Structures are given as C-alpha cells and as structure tokens.
C-alpha cells in the first residue's frame, strides 16, 4: 500500500507490483482499484504495474474541488510524474478508458500505448441514425440513474447502473460485498454525472489528435452501446485497432482475466 498527497492536498492511494515497463491501470465508475485483482498477477508478471484509486474512490481522498474528467487526467499525470514512472502504458475500462485516452491527448509525453475497454463516449453516437434507438434508451436509463442518486436512492441507482452498463440481471447476481462497494461509490458517480464535460456527452472530436497506439476492445456479450461506440471511434481514430473478447462483457479483466492479460500484454509489448 502506498499513497501520495497531491498538490491540492488530496491523498491518492496506489499499489505497485511486478517489474518491467510501467503500466498504469485505471478503473471505471462505481469501482476502485480492487477490480483489477483477478488480472493483476498476470500483468505484474510482465510489467511494473501501478493500480490506483481515482479521487473519491476506494482509499483515495475526495478533495474539495469538483469532480471532472480533466481533474482525473491531472491527478493521473501528477501520479506518473511524482513516482517517476516515465512514459507509461495504460490499461483501462469504462470511465477509466476515457481518462486514459484524454491523458494521451493532453499529456502525450507521459504515454506509450493505451488499452481502452468500452469507453462510454455516448456522444460519439449522436446524430447517427443507425444508433439513435440505442442512444435514446441508454440516455434514458442514465437519466434515471442520476435522478435516483440525486434523491439519495444510492442502492437503487447503483442497481440500475449495473443492469444498464453490464447487463440485465447482473445486480441480482452480485454478492453482498460487491453490491456494498457499488453503493459506497454512488456519490462519486453522481459527481461524475454532474461534470459539465461528462463522458456521456463527449463525442469523438476531443480525441482526434490522439497519436499513441490505441487498442479499443469490447465484449461479445456486452450491451450494444459499447460495440457501437468502439466501432465509431475505431473508424475515426487513425492509430486505433479493434479487438473483441468474444465471451466477455463489460469487465473482461474480471470475468476472463487470462484472455484479458494475454490480449492486453500482447498489444502493449508489440
């Protein structure tokens, strides 16, 4: 267990494991660095891995400023610089994938390669008739999640998010301790939704200048919004390539860790 205090006084928790080229793992919304525990040993066998809790998640402090994607990027850049990692590989999923891609755009000197699983850039689907129904349904669901969280209905909001982002019936299948972690992170997710530059509104344009090798992945059993987003991004970003984890969904690093480690490691060391 390790910790740094950021310039604004916020404590950021991280764990180090393994040897090799540096690799930072970025978790998604409603989660923390513990989500990587199934894949961490395999990745640490090939890389110097840093798994950290984003601000207001896990063991990291919340700070006093507003939550934002740009704030997460600034936190990550400071972490990389403060522990002297040099340019890093980044593996990420969901909201964390947006942070990873944004870091590669804003601070390219800190990034080698990016593996991004299912970034929820719903704005990338806006104005595309073939994706209009998918986009409308998902935006309606996220609006309902936000309404529940605004009303203090953290468990109901977390349940709706999980069943929307991962798949219907997922919440009911989770053990009590997993549900408790989702509920714990409900305030942080609500803060993410309040971000004026929320990832749900971002489109392709902010990432057109991304010039680092980018692996975009999605699961063969994932909700259709992620497939559509990755297809749009792969078509628009010249340095991107696509891969499908055929039997997986939104969290292949949890459900199919051996496959995730093999594909991600192979791309990062290519």
Protein backbone atom coordinates (compact mmCIF):
# COMPACT_ATOMS: atom_id res chain seq x y z
CA UNK A 1 0.00 0.00 0.00
CA UNK A 2 1.33 3.45 -0.96
CA UNK A 3 -0.01 6.95 -1.07
CA UNK A 4 0.93 10.39 -2.36
CA UNK A 5 -0.53 13.73 -1.40
CA UNK A 6 -1.41 15.73 -4.49
CA UNK A 7 -0.65 19.41 -4.80
CA UNK A 8 -4.18 20.29 -3.72
CA UNK A 9 -3.83 18.20 -0.55
CA UNK A 10 -5.81 15.16 -1.72
CA UNK A 11 -4.37 11.74 -0.83
CA UNK A 12 -4.19 9.31 -3.75
CA UNK A 13 -3.83 5.61 -2.95
CA UNK A 14 -1.96 3.22 -5.22
CA UNK A 15 -0.36 -0.22 -5.27
CA UNK A 16 2.84 -1.29 -7.07
CA UNK A 17 3.55 -4.80 -8.31
CA UNK A 18 5.90 -6.54 -10.71
CA UNK A 19 8.85 -5.46 -12.82
CA UNK A 20 9.26 -4.30 -16.39
CA UNK A 21 7.89 -1.40 -18.40
CA UNK A 22 5.48 0.76 -16.37
CA UNK A 23 1.76 0.06 -16.73
CA UNK A 24 -0.98 2.08 -15.02
CA UNK A 25 -4.42 0.53 -14.50
CA UNK A 26 -7.44 2.87 -14.43
CA UNK A 27 -10.74 1.61 -13.06
CA UNK A 28 -14.20 2.73 -14.12
CA UNK A 29 -17.12 4.37 -12.38
CA UNK A 30 -18.69 2.90 -9.23
CA UNK A 31 -15.48 0.87 -8.69
CA UNK A 32 -11.93 1.05 -7.33
CA UNK A 33 -8.52 -0.48 -8.00
CA UNK A 34 -9.60 -3.76 -6.36
CA UNK A 35 -11.48 -4.50 -9.58
CA UNK A 36 -8.13 -5.46 -11.14
CA UNK A 37 -7.29 -8.17 -8.60
CA UNK A 38 -8.01 -11.10 -10.98
CA UNK A 39 -5.80 -9.69 -13.76
CA UNK A 40 -3.11 -8.05 -11.66
CA UNK A 41 -0.88 -11.13 -11.15
CA UNK A 42 -0.75 -11.85 -14.87
CA UNK A 43 0.01 -8.24 -15.76
CA UNK A 44 2.59 -7.92 -12.98
CA UNK A 45 4.46 -10.89 -14.45
CA UNK A 46 5.32 -8.68 -17.46
CA UNK A 47 5.05 -5.07 -16.26
CA UNK A 48 5.74 -2.73 -13.36
CA UNK A 49 2.06 -2.25 -12.56
CA UNK A 50 0.51 0.70 -10.77
CA UNK A 51 -3.13 0.23 -9.76
CA UNK A 52 -4.57 3.35 -8.18
CA UNK A 53 -7.87 4.54 -6.75
CA UNK A 54 -9.16 7.56 -8.60
CA UNK A 55 -10.04 10.58 -6.49
CA UNK A 56 -13.10 9.88 -4.29
CA UNK A 57 -12.84 6.13 -4.92
CA UNK A 58 -11.52 3.31 -2.76
CA UNK A 59 -8.91 4.53 -0.29
CA UNK A 60 -8.21 7.83 -2.06
CA UNK A 61 -9.47 11.13 -0.71
CA UNK A 62 -12.24 13.10 -2.34
CA UNK A 63 -10.61 16.53 -2.20
CA UNK A 64 -12.64 19.72 -2.18
CA UNK A 65 -12.90 20.57 -5.87
CA UNK A 66 -15.49 19.48 -8.41
CA UNK A 67 -15.11 16.01 -9.95
CA UNK A 68 -14.28 16.05 -13.65
CA UNK A 69 -12.59 14.06 -16.37
CA UNK A 70 -9.95 16.75 -16.65
CA UNK A 71 -9.38 16.56 -12.91
CA UNK A 72 -8.83 12.81 -13.19
CA UNK A 73 -6.35 13.40 -16.02
CA UNK A 74 -4.46 15.96 -13.91
CA UNK A 75 -4.39 13.56 -10.94
CA UNK A 76 -3.04 10.74 -13.09
CA UNK A 77 -0.39 12.94 -14.70
CA UNK A 78 0.78 14.06 -11.25
CA UNK A 79 0.91 10.46 -10.03
CA UNK A 80 3.01 9.39 -13.03
CA UNK A 81 5.40 12.31 -12.55
CA UNK A 82 5.64 12.13 -8.77
CA UNK A 83 6.59 8.45 -8.61
CA UNK A 84 8.86 8.92 -11.63
CA UNK A 85 7.36 6.28 -13.89
CA UNK A 86 8.36 7.95 -17.14
CA UNK A 87 6.11 7.38 -20.15
CA UNK A 88 3.67 4.62 -19.23
CA UNK A 89 1.41 2.11 -20.84
CA UNK A 90 -2.19 2.46 -19.71
CA UNK A 91 -4.87 -0.23 -19.42
CA UNK A 92 -8.35 0.94 -18.61
CA UNK A 93 -12.05 0.23 -18.79
CA UNK A 94 -15.32 2.19 -18.91
CA UNK A 95 -14.96 5.71 -17.42
CA UNK A 96 -11.28 4.98 -16.84
CA UNK A 97 -10.84 4.40 -20.57
CA UNK A 98 -11.94 7.98 -21.21
CA UNK A 99 -9.38 9.20 -18.67
CA UNK A 100 -6.67 7.12 -20.38
CA UNK A 101 -7.50 8.44 -23.84
CA UNK A 102 -7.69 12.02 -22.55
CA UNK A 103 -4.28 11.67 -20.89
CA UNK A 104 -2.81 10.54 -24.20
CA UNK A 105 -4.24 13.66 -25.86
CA UNK A 106 -3.39 16.20 -23.15
CA UNK A 107 -0.06 14.78 -21.95
CA UNK A 108 1.24 12.56 -24.79
CA UNK A 109 4.79 12.70 -23.43
CA UNK A 110 3.60 10.60 -20.47
CA UNK A 111 2.01 7.82 -22.56
CA UNK A 112 3.39 4.92 -24.57
CA UNK A 113 0.31 2.87 -25.51
CA UNK A 114 -3.32 2.78 -24.39
CA UNK A 115 -5.62 -0.22 -24.00
CA UNK A 116 -9.18 1.08 -23.59
CA UNK A 117 -12.08 -1.29 -22.94
CA UNK A 118 -15.55 0.05 -23.73
CA UNK A 119 -15.21 3.81 -23.15
CA UNK A 120 -18.77 5.13 -22.57
CA UNK A 121 -18.50 8.04 -25.02
CA UNK A 122 -22.19 8.12 -25.84
CA UNK A 123 -21.82 11.47 -27.58
CA UNK A 124 -19.98 9.62 -30.34
CA UNK A 125 -23.33 8.08 -31.33
CA UNK A 126 -25.22 11.37 -31.51
CA UNK A 127 -26.56 12.25 -34.96
CA UNK A 128 -26.05 8.74 -36.29
CA UNK A 129 -29.42 7.34 -37.33
CA UNK A 130 -28.29 3.73 -37.10
CA UNK A 131 -27.54 4.19 -33.40
CA UNK A 132 -30.43 6.50 -32.48
CA UNK A 133 -32.51 3.89 -30.66
CA UNK A 134 -29.57 2.53 -28.66
CA UNK A 135 -28.51 6.03 -27.67
CA UNK A 136 -32.03 7.09 -26.64
CA UNK A 137 -32.53 4.02 -24.46
CA UNK A 138 -29.18 4.36 -22.70
CA UNK A 139 -29.52 8.09 -22.10
CA UNK A 140 -32.96 7.49 -20.60
CA UNK A 141 -31.51 4.87 -18.28
CA UNK A 142 -28.63 7.12 -17.19
CA UNK A 143 -31.05 9.98 -16.56
CA UNK A 144 -33.00 7.63 -14.29
CA UNK A 145 -29.78 6.61 -12.51
CA UNK A 146 -28.94 10.25 -11.90
CA UNK A 147 -32.43 11.02 -10.61
CA UNK A 148 -32.22 8.16 -8.12
CA UNK A 149 -28.78 9.24 -6.90
CA UNK A 150 -29.90 12.87 -6.60
CA UNK A 151 -32.76 11.63 -4.39
CA UNK A 152 -30.38 9.68 -2.16
CA UNK A 153 -31.54 6.31 -3.51
CA UNK A 154 -27.97 5.05 -3.82
CA UNK A 155 -28.72 1.33 -3.88
CA UNK A 156 -31.48 1.63 -6.46
CA UNK A 157 -29.33 3.92 -8.58
CA UNK A 158 -26.37 1.55 -8.38
CA UNK A 159 -28.59 -1.40 -9.31
CA UNK A 160 -29.97 0.38 -12.37
CA UNK A 161 -26.49 1.43 -13.45
CA UNK A 162 -25.12 -2.11 -13.14
CA UNK A 163 -28.00 -3.62 -15.09
CA UNK A 164 -27.62 -0.96 -17.79
CA UNK A 165 -23.83 -0.88 -18.09
CA UNK A 166 -23.11 -4.59 -17.59
CA UNK A 167 -26.36 -6.32 -18.48
CA UNK A 168 -29.88 -7.03 -17.18
CA UNK A 169 -29.96 -9.18 -14.06
CA UNK A 170 -26.32 -8.52 -13.11
CA UNK A 171 -27.18 -6.70 -9.87
CA UNK A 172 -29.18 -9.67 -8.57
CA UNK A 173 -26.22 -11.98 -9.25
CA UNK A 174 -23.68 -9.92 -7.30
CA UNK A 175 -22.60 -10.99 -3.80
CA UNK A 176 -23.48 -8.61 -0.95
CA UNK A 177 -19.92 -7.28 -0.61
CA UNK A 178 -19.81 -6.33 -4.30
CA UNK A 179 -23.15 -4.54 -4.03
CA UNK A 180 -21.87 -2.67 -0.98
CA UNK A 181 -18.86 -1.40 -2.94
CA UNK A 182 -21.11 -0.09 -5.68
CA UNK A 183 -23.30 1.71 -3.15
CA UNK A 184 -20.19 3.13 -1.46
CA UNK A 185 -19.16 4.76 -4.73
CA UNK A 186 -22.57 6.16 -5.64
CA UNK A 187 -21.69 9.72 -4.51
CA UNK A 188 -18.55 9.70 -6.67
CA UNK A 189 -20.52 8.53 -9.69
CA UNK A 190 -23.12 11.23 -9.13
CA UNK A 191 -20.30 13.77 -9.03
CA UNK A 192 -19.04 12.38 -12.35
CA UNK A 193 -22.52 12.83 -13.84
CA UNK A 194 -22.58 16.44 -12.66
CA UNK A 195 -19.34 17.20 -14.52
CA UNK A 196 -20.16 19.76 -17.24
CA UNK A 197 -17.90 17.74 -19.55
CA UNK A 198 -19.42 14.41 -18.52
CA UNK A 199 -18.19 11.44 -20.52
CA UNK A 200 -21.80 10.72 -21.52
CA UNK A 201 -21.78 13.90 -23.58
CA UNK A 202 -18.32 13.62 -25.10
CA UNK A 203 -18.02 12.78 -28.77
CA UNK A 204 -15.11 11.78 -30.99
CA UNK A 205 -13.75 15.28 -31.61
CA UNK A 206 -11.64 15.68 -28.41
CA UNK A 207 -9.70 12.53 -29.32
CA UNK A 208 -8.94 13.13 -33.00
CA UNK A 209 -5.40 14.25 -32.17
CA UNK A 210 -4.62 11.10 -30.18
CA UNK A 211 -1.41 9.83 -31.78
CA UNK A 212 -0.45 6.96 -29.49
CA UNK A 213 -1.19 3.32 -30.37
CA UNK A 214 -4.71 2.61 -29.09
CA UNK A 215 -6.38 -0.74 -28.56
CA UNK A 216 -10.16 -0.43 -28.36
CA UNK A 217 -11.87 -3.54 -27.05
CA UNK A 218 -15.40 -4.66 -26.34
CA UNK A 219 -17.04 -7.87 -25.21
CA UNK A 220 -19.01 -10.15 -27.46
CA UNK A 221 -21.67 -10.37 -24.72
CA UNK A 222 -21.70 -6.67 -23.84
CA UNK A 223 -24.57 -4.17 -24.17
CA UNK A 224 -24.79 -2.90 -27.79
CA UNK A 225 -23.90 0.71 -26.94
CA UNK A 226 -20.26 -0.22 -26.34
CA UNK A 227 -19.93 -2.05 -29.63
CA UNK A 228 -21.32 0.95 -31.48
CA UNK A 229 -19.05 3.41 -29.66
CA UNK A 230 -15.90 1.38 -30.29
CA UNK A 231 -16.77 0.98 -33.97
CA UNK A 232 -17.26 4.74 -34.37
CA UNK A 233 -14.03 5.53 -32.52
CA UNK A 234 -12.01 2.96 -34.47
CA UNK A 235 -13.21 4.42 -37.74
CA UNK A 236 -12.36 7.99 -36.67
CA UNK A 237 -9.02 7.49 -34.90
CA UNK A 238 -6.17 6.51 -37.24
CA UNK A 239 -3.98 4.94 -34.55
CA UNK A 240 -6.73 2.68 -33.18
CA UNK A 241 -7.28 -1.03 -33.65
CA UNK A 242 -10.22 -3.15 -32.50
CA UNK A 243 -10.44 -6.43 -30.62
CA UNK A 244 -13.46 -8.36 -29.37
CA UNK A 245 -13.37 -10.51 -26.23
CA UNK A 246 -15.88 -12.95 -27.66
CA UNK A 247 -17.28 -14.50 -24.47
CA UNK A 248 -16.88 -11.48 -22.20
CA UNK A 249 -18.88 -8.39 -21.37
CA UNK A 250 -18.06 -5.03 -19.76
CA UNK A 251 -15.44 -6.38 -17.34
CA UNK A 252 -13.22 -8.96 -19.10
CA UNK A 253 -10.39 -8.29 -16.64
CA UNK A 254 -12.74 -9.77 -14.00
CA UNK A 255 -14.64 -12.43 -15.93
CA UNK A 256 -11.88 -13.59 -18.34
CA UNK A 257 -8.59 -12.50 -16.77
CA UNK A 258 -6.30 -14.87 -18.70
CA UNK A 259 -7.69 -13.73 -22.04
CA UNK A 260 -7.59 -10.09 -20.96
CA UNK A 261 -3.97 -10.33 -19.81
CA UNK A 262 -2.85 -12.11 -22.98
CA UNK A 263 -4.50 -9.66 -25.38
CA UNK A 264 -3.57 -6.53 -23.45
CA UNK A 265 0.02 -7.59 -22.83
CA UNK A 266 0.46 -8.58 -26.45
CA UNK A 267 -0.68 -5.18 -27.65
CA UNK A 268 1.33 -3.19 -25.12
CA UNK A 269 4.56 -5.04 -25.93
CA UNK A 270 4.09 -5.16 -29.73
